[in-house]
Amino acid sequence: MKAIGGIIIFIVLVGFASWVIELSSVPVMPSIAVMVGLLVFLRIYGRVPALLDAGANSLFRLFPLLFIPPVVMVVAVKDLLLTNMAALLFAVTASCLLGLATSAFIYRLFARRQKGKVVK
């Protein structure tokens, strides 16, 4: 039951962010706004509330299913991708490096706060 409550919280947060972004005409995706908002909240709060943790754990088990639509699309447009292989490789490499750098930065922030000391 906690998992459903946590998932509902995530859905409400994304819905609220969509509404605020639509009213303010800010060119930001709601999911990105929610991630930043959660990062700020968790930094201030210092830990993950049990309800959010249960929801995140449930969603994390379903995470591999998110890769099915992109794989289907890659198969559908493989000829186009093969003609633009250099651009594709650059885009994938750049996005992976940015994602890894951001993940490492956030991990270091939380690890430092959790242990109470600087992580080198």
Protein backbone atom coordinates (compact mmCIF):
# COMPACT_ATOMS: atom_id res chain seq x y z
CA MET A 1 0.00 0.00 0.00
CA LYS A 2 2.91 2.33 0.73
CA ALA A 3 4.18 1.75 -2.80
CA ILE A 4 0.90 2.93 -4.30
CA GLY A 5 0.94 6.00 -2.07
CA GLY A 6 4.50 6.82 -3.16
CA ILE A 7 3.62 6.39 -6.83
CA ILE A 8 0.59 8.65 -6.38
CA ILE A 9 2.84 11.30 -4.84
CA PHE A 10 5.13 11.14 -7.90
CA ILE A 11 2.12 11.43 -10.25
CA VAL A 12 0.71 14.39 -8.30
CA LEU A 13 4.12 16.12 -8.34
CA VAL A 14 4.42 15.74 -12.12
CA GLY A 15 0.83 16.94 -12.60
CA PHE A 16 1.42 19.98 -10.39
CA ALA A 17 4.69 20.76 -12.16
CA SER A 18 2.92 20.50 -15.54
CA TRP A 19 0.27 22.93 -14.38
CA VAL A 20 2.79 25.45 -13.00
CA ILE A 21 4.96 25.23 -16.11
CA GLU A 22 1.95 25.70 -18.38
CA LEU A 23 0.84 28.79 -16.44
CA SER A 24 4.31 30.32 -16.34
CA SER A 25 5.35 29.37 -19.90
CA VAL A 26 8.75 28.19 -18.69
CA PRO A 27 10.43 25.94 -21.29
CA VAL A 28 11.20 23.08 -18.87
CA MET A 29 9.88 19.53 -18.94
CA PRO A 30 7.75 18.71 -15.88
CA SER A 31 9.74 15.56 -15.13
CA ILE A 32 12.97 17.59 -14.97
CA ALA A 33 11.32 20.18 -12.71
CA VAL A 34 10.11 17.40 -10.38
CA MET A 35 13.57 15.82 -10.24
CA VAL A 36 15.14 19.16 -9.32
CA GLY A 37 12.40 19.80 -6.77
CA LEU A 38 12.90 16.37 -5.22
CA LEU A 39 16.66 16.94 -5.11
CA VAL A 40 16.18 20.21 -3.23
CA PHE A 41 13.60 18.66 -0.88
CA LEU A 42 15.78 15.63 -0.13
CA ARG A 43 18.85 17.81 0.48
CA ILE A 44 16.89 19.91 2.96
CA TYR A 45 15.06 16.96 4.57
CA GLY A 46 18.24 14.88 4.77
CA ARG A 47 16.73 11.48 4.01
CA VAL A 48 14.13 9.81 1.83
CA PRO A 49 10.71 9.48 3.51
CA ALA A 50 9.46 5.89 3.73
CA LEU A 51 6.47 6.58 1.47
CA LEU A 52 8.64 7.97 -1.34
CA ASP A 53 11.15 5.16 -0.88
CA ALA A 54 8.45 2.50 -1.27
CA GLY A 55 7.08 4.17 -4.41
CA ALA A 56 10.52 4.59 -5.93
CA ASN A 57 11.43 0.96 -5.25
CA SER A 58 8.24 -0.21 -6.96
CA LEU A 59 8.88 1.99 -9.99
CA PHE A 60 12.52 0.95 -10.12
CA ARG A 61 11.51 -2.70 -10.59
CA LEU A 62 9.53 -1.63 -13.67
CA PHE A 63 12.34 0.56 -15.02
CA PRO A 64 13.58 -1.91 -17.69
CA LEU A 65 10.17 -1.69 -19.38
CA LEU A 66 10.98 1.91 -20.30
CA PHE A 67 13.56 0.66 -22.80
CA ILE A 68 11.08 -1.30 -24.94
CA PRO A 69 9.61 1.67 -26.92
CA PRO A 70 13.06 3.10 -27.85
CA VAL A 71 14.23 -0.32 -29.04
CA VAL A 72 11.12 -0.70 -31.20
CA MET A 73 11.75 2.77 -32.65
CA VAL A 74 15.40 1.98 -33.40
CA VAL A 75 14.33 -1.11 -35.33
CA ALA A 76 11.67 0.91 -37.19
CA VAL A 77 14.11 3.62 -38.36
CA LYS A 78 17.33 1.59 -38.60
CA ASP A 79 18.03 2.70 -42.19
CA LEU A 80 17.92 6.36 -41.18
CA LEU A 81 20.13 5.67 -38.18
CA LEU A 82 22.70 3.85 -40.28
CA THR A 83 23.04 6.84 -42.62
CA ASN A 84 23.63 9.21 -39.66
CA MET A 85 25.78 6.95 -37.48
CA ALA A 86 28.33 9.64 -36.49
CA ALA A 87 25.64 12.03 -35.25
CA LEU A 88 23.91 9.21 -33.40
CA LEU A 89 27.13 8.09 -31.68
CA PHE A 90 27.96 11.65 -30.68
CA ALA A 91 24.48 12.27 -29.25
CA VAL A 92 24.45 9.00 -27.30
CA THR A 93 27.99 9.51 -25.97
CA ALA A 94 27.37 13.12 -24.94
CA SER A 95 24.09 12.33 -23.20
CA CYS A 96 25.61 9.34 -21.37
CA LEU A 97 28.57 11.41 -20.17
CA LEU A 98 26.31 14.22 -18.97
CA GLY A 99 24.05 11.73 -17.20
CA LEU A 100 26.99 10.00 -15.53
CA ALA A 101 28.53 13.29 -14.43
CA THR A 102 25.23 14.48 -12.97
CA SER A 103 24.67 11.15 -11.20
CA ALA A 104 28.18 11.23 -9.72
CA PHE A 105 27.70 14.80 -8.52
CA ILE A 106 24.38 14.00 -6.84
CA TYR A 107 25.80 10.81 -5.30
CA ARG A 108 28.70 12.76 -3.81
CA LEU A 109 26.29 15.32 -2.35
CA PHE A 110 24.20 12.66 -0.64
CA ALA A 111 27.19 10.58 0.45
CA ARG A 112 28.81 13.63 2.01
CA ARG A 113 25.66 14.52 3.88
CA GLN A 114 25.02 10.95 5.01
CA LYS A 115 28.52 10.36 6.35
CA GLY A 116 28.97 13.88 7.64
CA LYS A 117 32.35 14.24 5.98
CA VAL A 118 33.83 15.18 2.65
CA VAL A 119 34.02 12.39 0.04
CA LYS A 120 37.15 12.55 -2.13
